[in-house]
Amino acid sequence: MGSNSARPAALQPANEFAAVAKELREVMARAVPQLKKISDADAAKPYAPGKWTRKQLVSHLIDSASNNHQRFTRAALAGPLSFPGYDQEGLMRIQQPDGIRWTTLIALWESYNEFLAHVIERLPAESAATPSDIGGDVSGTLSFLTRDYLEHLKHHVNQLTGGKLASAYQPG
């Protein structure tokens, strides 16, 4: 997650949500075919020295989708909320994604993001400014959280595919 940034004045919240959903679909349409070309054995190897495996990275993105799905819908329904933080190393240790088929991980990630794009574009415009706090580390509006989810995803897609998608997150 990153820090909250101001929303461009020209974008209305509903249009902003629709723009995030559209870009999410575009990123997935580019990434998934590339990832499907990777063998199960190669997906279980680190994508770079000292880094996670591709399976671990996609598992992390599934966790991100799951966590953010709850954040988006609960903030839209209940108003200002405080959410727990995210223990990525603990989840990796418990879930052990290197032990599941690569095709299963890709299918789940693809489907979850298709559903999230559907949800994001239907978020009520009046909920865009709803503040949320995540584990005391990140705070921002619902509008910010949806955009930050997309930027986080693009950052990791670049790691997975060697791509050059523009992302607010630093390469690494």
C-alpha atoms as a PDB file:
ATOM      1  CA  MET A   1       0.000   0.000   0.000  1.00  0.00           C
ATOM      2  CA  GLY A   2       1.061   3.585  -0.490  1.00  0.00           C
ATOM      3  CA  SER A   3       0.072   6.948   0.867  1.00  0.00           C
ATOM      4  CA  ASN A   4      -3.113   8.752  -0.043  1.00  0.00           C
ATOM      5  CA  SER A   5      -2.928  11.161  -2.936  1.00  0.00           C
ATOM      6  CA  ALA A   6      -5.435  13.726  -4.092  1.00  0.00           C
ATOM      7  CA  ARG A   7      -8.014  12.633  -6.656  1.00  0.00           C
ATOM      8  CA  PRO A   8      -7.928  14.682  -9.872  1.00  0.00           C
ATOM      9  CA  ALA A   9     -10.774  17.168  -9.772  1.00  0.00           C
ATOM     10  CA  ALA A  10     -11.916  16.218 -13.297  1.00  0.00           C
ATOM     11  CA  LEU A  11     -12.872  12.666 -12.278  1.00  0.00           C
ATOM     12  CA  GLN A  12     -16.166  12.081 -10.537  1.00  0.00           C
ATOM     13  CA  PRO A  13     -16.126   9.177  -8.031  1.00  0.00           C
ATOM     14  CA  ALA A  14     -18.336   6.847 -10.124  1.00  0.00           C
ATOM     15  CA  ASN A  15     -16.187   7.543 -13.182  1.00  0.00           C
ATOM     16  CA  GLU A  16     -13.081   7.002 -11.099  1.00  0.00           C
ATOM     17  CA  PHE A  17     -14.315   3.611  -9.937  1.00  0.00           C
ATOM     18  CA  ALA A  18     -15.218   2.731 -13.539  1.00  0.00           C
ATOM     19  CA  ALA A  19     -11.755   3.801 -14.708  1.00  0.00           C
ATOM     20  CA  VAL A  20     -10.058   1.607 -12.081  1.00  0.00           C
ATOM     21  CA  ALA A  21     -12.248  -1.367 -13.065  1.00  0.00           C
ATOM     22  CA  LYS A  22     -11.491  -0.833 -16.754  1.00  0.00           C
ATOM     23  CA  GLU A  23      -7.747  -0.645 -16.170  1.00  0.00           C
ATOM     24  CA  LEU A  24      -7.856  -3.697 -13.891  1.00  0.00           C
ATOM     25  CA  ARG A  25      -9.487  -5.690 -16.693  1.00  0.00           C
ATOM     26  CA  GLU A  26      -6.892  -4.435 -19.187  1.00  0.00           C
ATOM     27  CA  VAL A  27      -3.969  -5.405 -16.939  1.00  0.00           C
ATOM     28  CA  MET A  28      -5.418  -8.862 -16.362  1.00  0.00           C
ATOM     29  CA  ALA A  29      -6.058  -9.363 -20.087  1.00  0.00           C
ATOM     30  CA  ARG A  30      -2.376  -8.663 -20.756  1.00  0.00           C
ATOM     31  CA  ALA A  31      -0.920 -10.573 -17.812  1.00  0.00           C
ATOM     32  CA  VAL A  32      -2.880 -13.821 -17.704  1.00  0.00           C
ATOM     33  CA  PRO A  33      -1.911 -15.122 -21.168  1.00  0.00           C
ATOM     34  CA  GLN A  34       1.745 -14.472 -20.357  1.00  0.00           C
ATOM     35  CA  LEU A  35       1.501 -16.281 -17.029  1.00  0.00           C
ATOM     36  CA  LYS A  36      -0.261 -19.275 -18.581  1.00  0.00           C
ATOM     37  CA  LYS A  37       2.854 -19.848 -20.713  1.00  0.00           C
ATOM     38  CA  ILE A  38       4.962 -20.471 -17.584  1.00  0.00           C
ATOM     39  CA  SER A  39       5.359 -24.111 -16.580  1.00  0.00           C
ATOM     40  CA  ASP A  40       4.431 -25.339 -13.125  1.00  0.00           C
ATOM     41  CA  ALA A  41       8.100 -26.123 -12.431  1.00  0.00           C
ATOM     42  CA  ASP A  42       9.237 -22.650 -13.464  1.00  0.00           C
ATOM     43  CA  ALA A  43       6.445 -21.012 -11.435  1.00  0.00           C
ATOM     44  CA  ALA A  44       7.856 -22.748  -8.335  1.00  0.00           C
ATOM     45  CA  LYS A  45      11.270 -21.086  -8.825  1.00  0.00           C
ATOM     46  CA  PRO A  46      12.047 -17.563  -7.561  1.00  0.00           C
ATOM     47  CA  TYR A  47      11.328 -14.952 -10.251  1.00  0.00           C
ATOM     48  CA  ALA A  48      14.654 -13.302  -9.309  1.00  0.00           C
ATOM     49  CA  PRO A  49      17.499 -14.227  -6.933  1.00  0.00           C
ATOM     50  CA  GLY A  50      16.395 -13.919  -3.307  1.00  0.00           C
ATOM     51  CA  LYS A  51      12.751 -13.249  -4.249  1.00  0.00           C
ATOM     52  CA  TRP A  52       9.514 -15.192  -3.941  1.00  0.00           C
ATOM     53  CA  THR A  53       8.483 -17.810  -6.474  1.00  0.00           C
ATOM     54  CA  ARG A  54       5.877 -16.844  -9.050  1.00  0.00           C
ATOM     55  CA  LYS A  55       3.443 -19.119  -7.215  1.00  0.00           C
ATOM     56  CA  GLN A  56       4.086 -17.223  -3.989  1.00  0.00           C
ATOM     57  CA  LEU A  57       3.670 -13.903  -5.754  1.00  0.00           C
ATOM     58  CA  VAL A  58       0.336 -14.874  -7.324  1.00  0.00           C
ATOM     59  CA  SER A  59      -0.777 -16.241  -3.942  1.00  0.00           C
ATOM     60  CA  HIS A  60       0.106 -12.842  -2.458  1.00  0.00           C
ATOM     61  CA  LEU A  61      -2.021 -11.184  -5.148  1.00  0.00           C
ATOM     62  CA  ILE A  62      -4.930 -13.511  -4.332  1.00  0.00           C
ATOM     63  CA  ASP A  63      -4.587 -12.497  -0.669  1.00  0.00           C
ATOM     64  CA  SER A  64      -4.567  -8.863  -1.757  1.00  0.00           C
ATOM     65  CA  ALA A  65      -7.745  -9.389  -3.795  1.00  0.00           C
ATOM     66  CA  SER A  66      -9.442 -11.125  -0.880  1.00  0.00           C
ATOM     67  CA  ASN A  67      -8.454  -8.494   1.679  1.00  0.00           C
ATOM     68  CA  ASN A  68      -9.356  -5.602  -0.592  1.00  0.00           C
ATOM     69  CA  HIS A  69     -12.683  -7.118  -1.587  1.00  0.00           C
ATOM     70  CA  GLN A  70     -13.679  -6.930   2.088  1.00  0.00           C
ATOM     71  CA  ARG A  71     -12.266  -3.419   2.458  1.00  0.00           C
ATOM     72  CA  PHE A  72     -14.075  -2.081  -0.608  1.00  0.00           C
ATOM     73  CA  THR A  73     -17.473  -3.534   0.187  1.00  0.00           C
ATOM     74  CA  ARG A  74     -17.424  -2.909   3.928  1.00  0.00           C
ATOM     75  CA  ALA A  75     -16.283   0.694   3.515  1.00  0.00           C
ATOM     76  CA  ALA A  76     -19.031   1.264   0.940  1.00  0.00           C
ATOM     77  CA  LEU A  77     -21.682  -0.269   3.201  1.00  0.00           C
ATOM     78  CA  ALA A  78     -20.638   0.715   6.708  1.00  0.00           C
ATOM     79  CA  GLY A  79     -18.744   3.981   6.402  1.00  0.00           C
ATOM     80  CA  PRO A  80     -15.390   4.780   8.045  1.00  0.00           C
ATOM     81  CA  LEU A  81     -13.646   1.602   9.143  1.00  0.00           C
ATOM     82  CA  SER A  82     -10.443   0.340  10.639  1.00  0.00           C
ATOM     83  CA  PHE A  83      -9.122  -2.881   9.120  1.00  0.00           C
ATOM     84  CA  PRO A  84      -6.419  -5.214  10.431  1.00  0.00           C
ATOM     85  CA  GLY A  85      -3.002  -5.225   8.835  1.00  0.00           C
ATOM     86  CA  TYR A  86      -1.690  -7.906   6.521  1.00  0.00           C
ATOM     87  CA  ASP A  87       0.798 -10.595   7.598  1.00  0.00           C
ATOM     88  CA  GLN A  88       2.149 -11.605   4.188  1.00  0.00           C
ATOM     89  CA  GLU A  89       4.931 -13.824   5.551  1.00  0.00           C
ATOM     90  CA  GLY A  90       2.533 -15.611   7.917  1.00  0.00           C
ATOM     91  CA  LEU A  91       0.050 -16.220   5.131  1.00  0.00           C
ATOM     92  CA  MET A  92       2.808 -17.537   2.885  1.00  0.00           C
ATOM     93  CA  ARG A  93       3.948 -19.911   5.630  1.00  0.00           C
ATOM     94  CA  ILE A  94       0.423 -21.250   6.252  1.00  0.00           C
ATOM     95  CA  GLN A  95      -0.838 -21.391   2.665  1.00  0.00           C
ATOM     96  CA  GLN A  96       2.299 -22.896   1.081  1.00  0.00           C
ATOM     97  CA  PRO A  97       1.385 -21.929  -2.495  1.00  0.00           C
ATOM     98  CA  ASP A  98       4.333 -23.768  -4.027  1.00  0.00           C
ATOM     99  CA  GLY A  99       2.409 -26.983  -3.268  1.00  0.00           C
ATOM    100  CA  ILE A 100      -0.559 -26.213  -5.537  1.00  0.00           C
ATOM    101  CA  ARG A 101      -0.774 -26.262  -9.323  1.00  0.00           C
ATOM    102  CA  TRP A 102       0.174 -23.056 -11.120  1.00  0.00           C
ATOM    103  CA  THR A 103      -2.932 -23.288 -13.304  1.00  0.00           C
ATOM    104  CA  THR A 104      -5.133 -23.354 -10.177  1.00  0.00           C
ATOM    105  CA  LEU A 105      -3.500 -20.203  -8.798  1.00  0.00           C
ATOM    106  CA  ILE A 106      -3.804 -18.373 -12.121  1.00  0.00           C
ATOM    107  CA  ALA A 107      -7.467 -19.357 -12.545  1.00  0.00           C
ATOM    108  CA  LEU A 108      -8.361 -18.196  -9.022  1.00  0.00           C
ATOM    109  CA  TRP A 109      -6.457 -14.915  -9.399  1.00  0.00           C
ATOM    110  CA  GLU A 110      -8.017 -14.232 -12.803  1.00  0.00           C
ATOM    111  CA  SER A 111     -11.554 -14.995 -11.610  1.00  0.00           C
ATOM    112  CA  TYR A 112     -11.204 -13.006  -8.411  1.00  0.00           C
ATOM    113  CA  ASN A 113     -10.029  -9.937 -10.302  1.00  0.00           C
ATOM    114  CA  GLU A 114     -12.810 -10.260 -12.845  1.00  0.00           C
ATOM    115  CA  PHE A 115     -15.246 -10.207  -9.936  1.00  0.00           C
ATOM    116  CA  LEU A 116     -13.410  -7.322  -8.209  1.00  0.00           C
ATOM    117  CA  ALA A 117     -13.576  -5.214 -11.379  1.00  0.00           C
ATOM    118  CA  HIS A 118     -17.319  -5.895 -11.438  1.00  0.00           C
ATOM    119  CA  VAL A 119     -17.621  -4.839  -7.776  1.00  0.00           C
ATOM    120  CA  ILE A 120     -15.415  -1.738  -8.099  1.00  0.00           C
ATOM    121  CA  GLU A 121     -17.396  -0.287 -10.983  1.00  0.00           C
ATOM    122  CA  ARG A 122     -20.569  -0.691  -8.933  1.00  0.00           C
ATOM    123  CA  LEU A 123     -19.330   0.994  -5.765  1.00  0.00           C
ATOM    124  CA  PRO A 124     -21.638   3.888  -4.906  1.00  0.00           C
ATOM    125  CA  ALA A 125     -20.180   7.260  -5.874  1.00  0.00           C
ATOM    126  CA  GLU A 126     -21.104   8.665  -2.458  1.00  0.00           C
ATOM    127  CA  SER A 127     -18.772   6.142  -0.796  1.00  0.00           C
ATOM    128  CA  ALA A 128     -15.635   7.394  -2.619  1.00  0.00           C
ATOM    129  CA  ALA A 129     -14.603   9.684   0.242  1.00  0.00           C
ATOM    130  CA  THR A 130     -15.172   7.063   2.962  1.00  0.00           C
ATOM    131  CA  PRO A 131     -12.035   6.977   5.127  1.00  0.00           C
ATOM    132  CA  SER A 132     -10.399   3.698   6.094  1.00  0.00           C
ATOM    133  CA  ASP A 133      -7.407   2.771   8.191  1.00  0.00           C
ATOM    134  CA  ILE A 134      -5.475  -0.435   7.538  1.00  0.00           C
ATOM    135  CA  GLY A 135      -3.406  -1.748  10.391  1.00  0.00           C
ATOM    136  CA  GLY A 136      -2.344   1.760  11.366  1.00  0.00           C
ATOM    137  CA  ASP A 137       0.067   1.770   8.396  1.00  0.00           C
ATOM    138  CA  VAL A 138      -2.167   3.053   5.610  1.00  0.00           C
ATOM    139  CA  SER A 139      -5.111   5.345   5.657  1.00  0.00           C
ATOM    140  CA  GLY A 140      -7.085   6.754   2.789  1.00  0.00           C
ATOM    141  CA  THR A 141     -10.436   7.060   1.162  1.00  0.00           C
ATOM    142  CA  LEU A 142     -12.226   4.221  -0.578  1.00  0.00           C
ATOM    143  CA  SER A 143     -11.325   5.918  -3.838  1.00  0.00           C
ATOM    144  CA  PHE A 144      -7.661   5.789  -2.847  1.00  0.00           C
ATOM    145  CA  LEU A 145      -7.898   2.131  -1.756  1.00  0.00           C
ATOM    146  CA  THR A 146      -9.287   1.016  -5.124  1.00  0.00           C
ATOM    147  CA  ARG A 147      -6.561   2.871  -7.024  1.00  0.00           C
ATOM    148  CA  ASP A 148      -3.870   1.614  -4.632  1.00  0.00           C
ATOM    149  CA  TYR A 149      -5.061  -1.974  -5.152  1.00  0.00           C
ATOM    150  CA  LEU A 150      -4.584  -1.554  -8.901  1.00  0.00           C
ATOM    151  CA  GLU A 151      -1.138   0.040  -8.513  1.00  0.00           C
ATOM    152  CA  HIS A 152      -0.023  -2.769  -6.182  1.00  0.00           C
ATOM    153  CA  LEU A 153      -1.261  -5.369  -8.666  1.00  0.00           C
ATOM    154  CA  LYS A 154       0.551  -3.688 -11.595  1.00  0.00           C
ATOM    155  CA  HIS A 155       3.776  -3.592  -9.581  1.00  0.00           C
ATOM    156  CA  HIS A 156       3.640  -7.342  -9.007  1.00  0.00           C
ATOM    157  CA  VAL A 157       2.515  -8.114 -12.567  1.00  0.00           C
ATOM    158  CA  ASN A 158       5.695  -6.361 -13.705  1.00  0.00           C
ATOM    159  CA  GLN A 159       7.697  -8.666 -11.442  1.00  0.00           C
ATOM    160  CA  LEU A 160       5.882 -11.728 -12.758  1.00  0.00           C
ATOM    161  CA  THR A 161       6.113 -10.905 -16.451  1.00  0.00           C
ATOM    162  CA  GLY A 162       9.102  -8.585 -16.743  1.00  0.00           C
ATOM    163  CA  GLY A 163       6.623  -6.012 -18.020  1.00  0.00           C
ATOM    164  CA  LYS A 164       6.785  -2.259 -17.919  1.00  0.00           C
ATOM    165  CA  LEU A 165       3.331  -1.271 -16.697  1.00  0.00           C
ATOM    166  CA  ALA A 166       3.406   2.179 -15.138  1.00  0.00           C
ATOM    167  CA  SER A 167       2.868   1.815 -11.382  1.00  0.00           C
ATOM    168  CA  ALA A 168       3.000   4.147  -8.408  1.00  0.00           C
ATOM    169  CA  TYR A 169       4.994   1.434  -6.613  1.00  0.00           C
ATOM    170  CA  GLN A 170       8.763   1.343  -6.898  1.00  0.00           C
ATOM    171  CA  PRO A 171      10.321  -1.525  -8.873  1.00  0.00           C
ATOM    172  CA  GLY A 172      11.742  -4.305  -6.768  1.00  0.00           C
END
